Amino acid sequence: MRIAYLEDDADQAGLVREWLEEAGHSCTHCDSGRDFMGLLRRDTFDLLVLDWEVPGMSGIAVLEELRASGNRVPVIFTTQRDDESSIVGALSNGADDYMVKPPKKAELLARINALGRRSGVVDDSDNGVFELGPWSVNREARRISLDGEPVKLTDKDYELASYLFQNAGKLLSRAHLLEKVWGIMGAIESRTVDVHISRIRRSLQIRPERGYRIKTVYQHGYRLERVDAADA
């Protein structure tokens, strides 16, 4: 999973980031709440790990702003606050889980994996078949069919389309897609995603009259979203 981590203790941040990366996740770290919100405006993640007391903007204020904007990304709090009112307050404001510092490696990874499963983050070991509208995706055969007919796609077009179908409704930044589909990490300027999005729109006929569209979100990325018949 792509994880963003808010923590102002450098030693703690380094240790947790090491745990996450050893477990196969990618981790982007910020030590300021304001910087963290800036990151979330530019990029998208599968899960957030937040500390409560950080400079600039508290973790709970970050959570409140996210939920007020409609962002439902899963959130785990790791904090020294262990009183009942703080735990209830975080969960009531939209946190999905809560851990008291210092986190234990096995427990943190288990909670992250469990939350990833509950929130629908795709398990890449699943080689089954799933359907979305007129499309059928066979992950084992690496094939996408439209109205029952297989569509010829390049490897990368298949991987991009499959990832979008698996994450329908979610806003995905270009950096997110570059990492998940191409394995390219870090902020780079690239038209690669845009070119492939244009191709799969045509190849798979993803358009409103078929019930879905790939919406371009200015300066951010893309979202595969359902379109009501009245709006088609």
Protein backbone atom coordinates (compact mmCIF):
# COMPACT_ATOMS: atom_id res chain seq x y z
CA MET A 1 0.00 0.00 0.00
CA ARG A 2 0.95 3.65 -0.43
CA ILE A 3 1.07 5.10 3.07
CA ALA A 4 1.52 8.71 4.20
CA TYR A 5 2.89 9.13 7.71
CA LEU A 6 2.64 12.21 9.97
CA GLU A 7 5.17 12.10 12.85
CA ASP A 8 7.49 14.77 14.27
CA ASP A 9 9.76 12.41 16.22
CA ALA A 10 12.56 11.69 13.74
CA ASP A 11 13.70 8.46 15.42
CA GLN A 12 10.17 7.09 15.65
CA ALA A 13 9.45 8.09 12.06
CA GLY A 14 12.60 6.41 10.77
CA LEU A 15 11.82 3.18 12.59
CA VAL A 16 8.19 2.96 11.46
CA ARG A 17 9.10 3.87 7.89
CA GLU A 18 11.67 1.05 7.91
CA TRP A 19 9.04 -1.42 9.18
CA LEU A 20 6.57 -0.38 6.49
CA GLU A 21 9.05 -0.60 3.65
CA GLU A 22 10.35 -3.97 4.84
CA ALA A 23 6.73 -5.18 4.71
CA GLY A 24 6.43 -4.10 1.07
CA HIS A 25 4.60 -0.79 1.55
CA SER A 26 5.80 2.59 0.34
CA CYS A 27 5.89 5.38 2.92
CA THR A 28 5.96 9.17 2.50
CA HIS A 29 6.73 11.01 5.73
CA CYS A 30 5.99 14.56 6.94
CA ASP A 31 6.79 16.07 10.34
CA SER A 32 4.35 19.01 10.12
CA GLY A 33 0.58 18.97 9.89
CA ARG A 34 0.55 21.82 7.38
CA ASP A 35 3.10 20.07 5.15
CA PHE A 36 1.08 16.88 5.45
CA MET A 37 -2.10 18.59 4.25
CA GLY A 38 -0.14 20.05 1.35
CA LEU A 39 1.03 16.55 0.46
CA LEU A 40 -2.54 15.23 0.50
CA ARG A 41 -3.69 18.00 -1.83
CA ARG A 42 -1.06 16.93 -4.38
CA ASP A 43 -1.07 13.17 -4.03
CA THR A 44 -3.24 10.22 -3.05
CA PHE A 45 -2.57 7.33 -0.67
CA ASP A 46 -4.15 4.04 0.37
CA LEU A 47 -3.81 4.73 4.09
CA LEU A 48 -2.65 7.42 6.54
CA VAL A 49 -0.83 7.02 9.86
CA LEU A 50 -1.18 10.14 12.02
CA ASP A 51 0.41 11.36 15.22
CA TRP A 52 -1.76 13.73 17.28
CA GLU A 53 0.63 16.37 18.57
CA VAL A 54 2.74 17.70 15.69
CA PRO A 55 3.83 21.22 14.68
CA GLY A 56 1.73 23.50 12.53
CA MET A 57 -1.53 21.57 12.59
CA SER A 58 -2.46 18.74 14.93
CA GLY A 59 -3.22 15.26 13.69
CA ILE A 60 -6.83 15.57 14.85
CA ALA A 61 -7.20 18.85 12.91
CA VAL A 62 -5.80 17.10 9.82
CA LEU A 63 -8.37 14.33 10.26
CA GLU A 64 -11.25 16.79 10.75
CA GLU A 65 -10.31 18.71 7.60
CA LEU A 66 -10.00 15.52 5.56
CA ARG A 67 -13.38 14.17 6.61
CA ALA A 68 -15.05 17.58 6.15
CA SER A 69 -13.78 17.60 2.54
CA GLY A 70 -15.22 14.13 1.91
CA ASN A 71 -11.87 12.33 1.87
CA ARG A 72 -12.51 8.82 3.27
CA VAL A 73 -8.94 7.47 3.13
CA PRO A 74 -8.39 5.03 6.04
CA VAL A 75 -6.62 6.58 9.06
CA ILE A 76 -4.73 5.02 11.97
CA PHE A 77 -3.70 7.22 14.91
CA THR A 78 -0.48 6.47 16.79
CA THR A 79 -0.16 8.77 19.80
CA GLN A 80 0.92 8.97 23.42
CA ARG A 81 -2.62 9.99 24.38
CA ASP A 82 -4.15 6.94 26.03
CA ASP A 83 -7.14 8.45 27.85
CA GLU A 84 -10.61 7.35 26.88
CA SER A 85 -11.79 10.80 25.80
CA SER A 86 -8.92 11.15 23.27
CA ILE A 87 -9.54 7.70 21.82
CA VAL A 88 -13.29 8.33 21.54
CA GLY A 89 -12.64 11.79 20.08
CA ALA A 90 -10.36 10.46 17.34
CA LEU A 91 -12.73 7.64 16.40
CA SER A 92 -15.74 9.98 16.49
CA ASN A 93 -13.96 12.36 14.12
CA GLY A 94 -13.40 9.64 11.55
CA ALA A 95 -10.29 7.68 12.56
CA ASP A 96 -10.52 3.98 11.69
CA ASP A 97 -8.08 2.70 14.32
CA TYR A 98 -6.04 3.96 17.26
CA MET A 99 -2.73 2.82 18.75
CA VAL A 100 -0.91 4.12 21.81
CA LYS A 101 2.81 4.85 21.39
CA PRO A 102 5.25 3.34 21.14
CA PRO A 103 3.73 1.10 18.46
CA LYS A 104 4.82 -2.53 18.30
CA LYS A 105 5.98 -3.64 14.87
CA ALA A 106 3.87 -6.78 14.47
CA GLU A 107 0.73 -5.13 15.82
CA LEU A 108 1.10 -2.03 13.65
CA LEU A 109 1.61 -4.07 10.49
CA ALA A 110 -1.30 -6.35 11.36
CA ARG A 111 -3.61 -3.39 11.95
CA ILE A 112 -2.52 -1.74 8.69
CA ASN A 113 -3.15 -4.94 6.73
CA ALA A 114 -6.51 -5.50 8.41
CA LEU A 115 -7.61 -1.94 7.70
CA GLY A 116 -6.43 -2.26 4.11
CA ARG A 117 -8.64 -5.32 3.66
CA ARG A 118 -11.65 -3.71 5.32
CA SER A 119 -11.36 -0.55 3.25
CA GLY A 120 -11.17 -2.43 -0.05
CA VAL A 121 -7.53 -1.83 -0.91
CA VAL A 122 -6.93 -4.54 -3.46
CA ASP A 123 -4.97 -7.62 -2.50
CA ASP A 124 -2.72 -8.26 -5.51
CA SER A 125 -2.62 -11.98 -4.72
CA ASP A 126 -6.29 -12.22 -5.79
CA ASN A 127 -6.36 -13.70 -9.29
CA GLY A 128 -10.14 -13.92 -9.60
CA VAL A 129 -12.62 -12.42 -12.02
CA PHE A 130 -14.67 -9.33 -11.24
CA GLU A 131 -17.11 -7.24 -13.23
CA LEU A 132 -17.86 -3.54 -13.47
CA GLY A 133 -20.69 -2.47 -15.76
CA PRO A 134 -20.13 -4.04 -19.20
CA TRP A 135 -16.50 -4.92 -18.42
CA SER A 136 -15.14 -8.17 -17.00
CA VAL A 137 -11.59 -8.35 -15.63
CA ASN A 138 -9.86 -11.74 -15.44
CA ARG A 139 -6.74 -11.16 -13.37
CA GLU A 140 -5.33 -14.65 -13.83
CA ALA A 141 -5.59 -14.47 -17.63
CA ARG A 142 -4.69 -10.73 -17.60
CA ARG A 143 -7.66 -10.06 -19.84
CA ILE A 144 -10.44 -7.47 -19.93
CA SER A 145 -13.61 -8.14 -21.87
CA LEU A 146 -16.25 -5.67 -23.03
CA ASP A 147 -19.75 -7.08 -23.47
CA GLY A 148 -18.20 -10.53 -23.31
CA GLU A 149 -15.59 -9.89 -26.01
CA PRO A 150 -11.87 -9.75 -25.05
CA VAL A 151 -10.21 -6.40 -25.81
CA LYS A 152 -6.64 -6.38 -27.10
CA LEU A 153 -4.48 -4.29 -24.74
CA THR A 154 -0.78 -3.78 -24.15
CA ASP A 155 0.56 -5.05 -20.82
CA LYS A 156 0.67 -1.59 -19.28
CA ASP A 157 -2.75 -0.63 -20.63
CA TYR A 158 -4.17 -3.79 -19.04
CA GLU A 159 -2.46 -3.10 -15.70
CA LEU A 160 -3.62 0.52 -15.62
CA ALA A 161 -7.21 -0.32 -16.60
CA SER A 162 -7.35 -3.20 -14.12
CA TYR A 163 -6.12 -0.95 -11.31
CA LEU A 164 -8.68 1.74 -12.17
CA PHE A 165 -11.51 -0.83 -12.26
CA GLN A 166 -10.41 -2.25 -8.90
CA ASN A 167 -10.41 1.26 -7.41
CA ALA A 168 -13.52 2.66 -9.09
CA GLY A 169 -14.72 5.81 -7.37
CA LYS A 170 -11.33 6.66 -5.86
CA LEU A 171 -9.30 9.69 -6.90
CA LEU A 172 -5.81 8.50 -7.87
CA SER A 173 -2.93 10.90 -8.44
CA ARG A 174 -0.54 10.47 -11.34
CA ALA A 175 2.25 9.68 -8.84
CA HIS A 176 0.03 7.00 -7.29
CA LEU A 177 -0.59 5.38 -10.69
CA LEU A 178 3.07 5.65 -11.72
CA GLU A 179 4.08 3.81 -8.56
CA LYS A 180 1.38 1.12 -8.67
CA VAL A 181 1.50 0.37 -12.40
CA TRP A 182 5.03 1.31 -13.50
CA GLY A 183 6.93 0.96 -10.23
CA ILE A 184 8.21 4.52 -10.55
CA MET A 185 8.52 6.26 -7.17
CA GLY A 186 9.09 9.92 -6.44
CA ALA A 187 7.76 13.17 -7.83
CA ILE A 188 8.52 13.32 -11.56
CA GLU A 189 7.00 15.14 -14.50
CA SER A 190 5.65 12.58 -16.95
CA ARG A 191 2.94 12.33 -19.60
CA THR A 192 3.09 8.54 -19.43
CA VAL A 193 -0.11 8.16 -17.40
CA ASP A 194 -2.03 10.67 -19.55
CA VAL A 195 -1.11 8.86 -22.77
CA HIS A 196 -2.18 5.47 -21.42
CA ILE A 197 -5.41 6.87 -19.96
CA SER A 198 -6.31 8.25 -23.38
CA ARG A 199 -5.62 4.86 -24.97
CA ILE A 200 -7.71 2.79 -22.57
CA ARG A 201 -10.60 5.26 -22.84
CA ARG A 202 -10.69 4.46 -26.56
CA SER A 203 -9.82 0.75 -26.43
CA LEU A 204 -12.31 -0.10 -23.67
CA GLN A 205 -14.92 2.48 -24.77
CA ILE A 206 -15.08 3.98 -21.28
CA ARG A 207 -17.64 6.69 -21.81
CA PRO A 208 -20.79 7.97 -20.09
CA GLU A 209 -23.25 6.13 -22.31
CA ARG A 210 -21.72 2.89 -21.02
CA GLY A 211 -22.26 3.99 -17.43
CA TYR A 212 -18.72 5.07 -16.47
CA ARG A 213 -16.16 7.71 -17.31
CA ILE A 214 -12.55 8.42 -16.40
CA LYS A 215 -12.68 11.93 -14.99
CA THR A 216 -9.57 14.09 -15.18
CA VAL A 217 -9.08 16.06 -11.95
CA TYR A 218 -7.06 19.17 -12.77
CA GLN A 219 -3.48 19.15 -11.47
CA HIS A 220 -4.13 15.94 -9.58
CA GLY A 221 -5.03 12.75 -11.41
CA TYR A 222 -7.93 10.57 -12.44
CA ARG A 223 -11.06 8.92 -11.07
CA LEU A 224 -13.07 6.15 -12.73
CA GLU A 225 -16.62 7.04 -11.75
CA ARG A 226 -20.15 5.87 -12.38
CA VAL A 227 -22.36 8.11 -14.50
CA ASP A 228 -26.15 8.14 -14.04
CA ALA A 229 -28.18 7.53 -17.16
CA ALA A 230 -29.65 11.04 -16.91
CA ASP A 231 -26.14 12.53 -17.08
CA ALA A 232 -24.87 10.37 -19.95
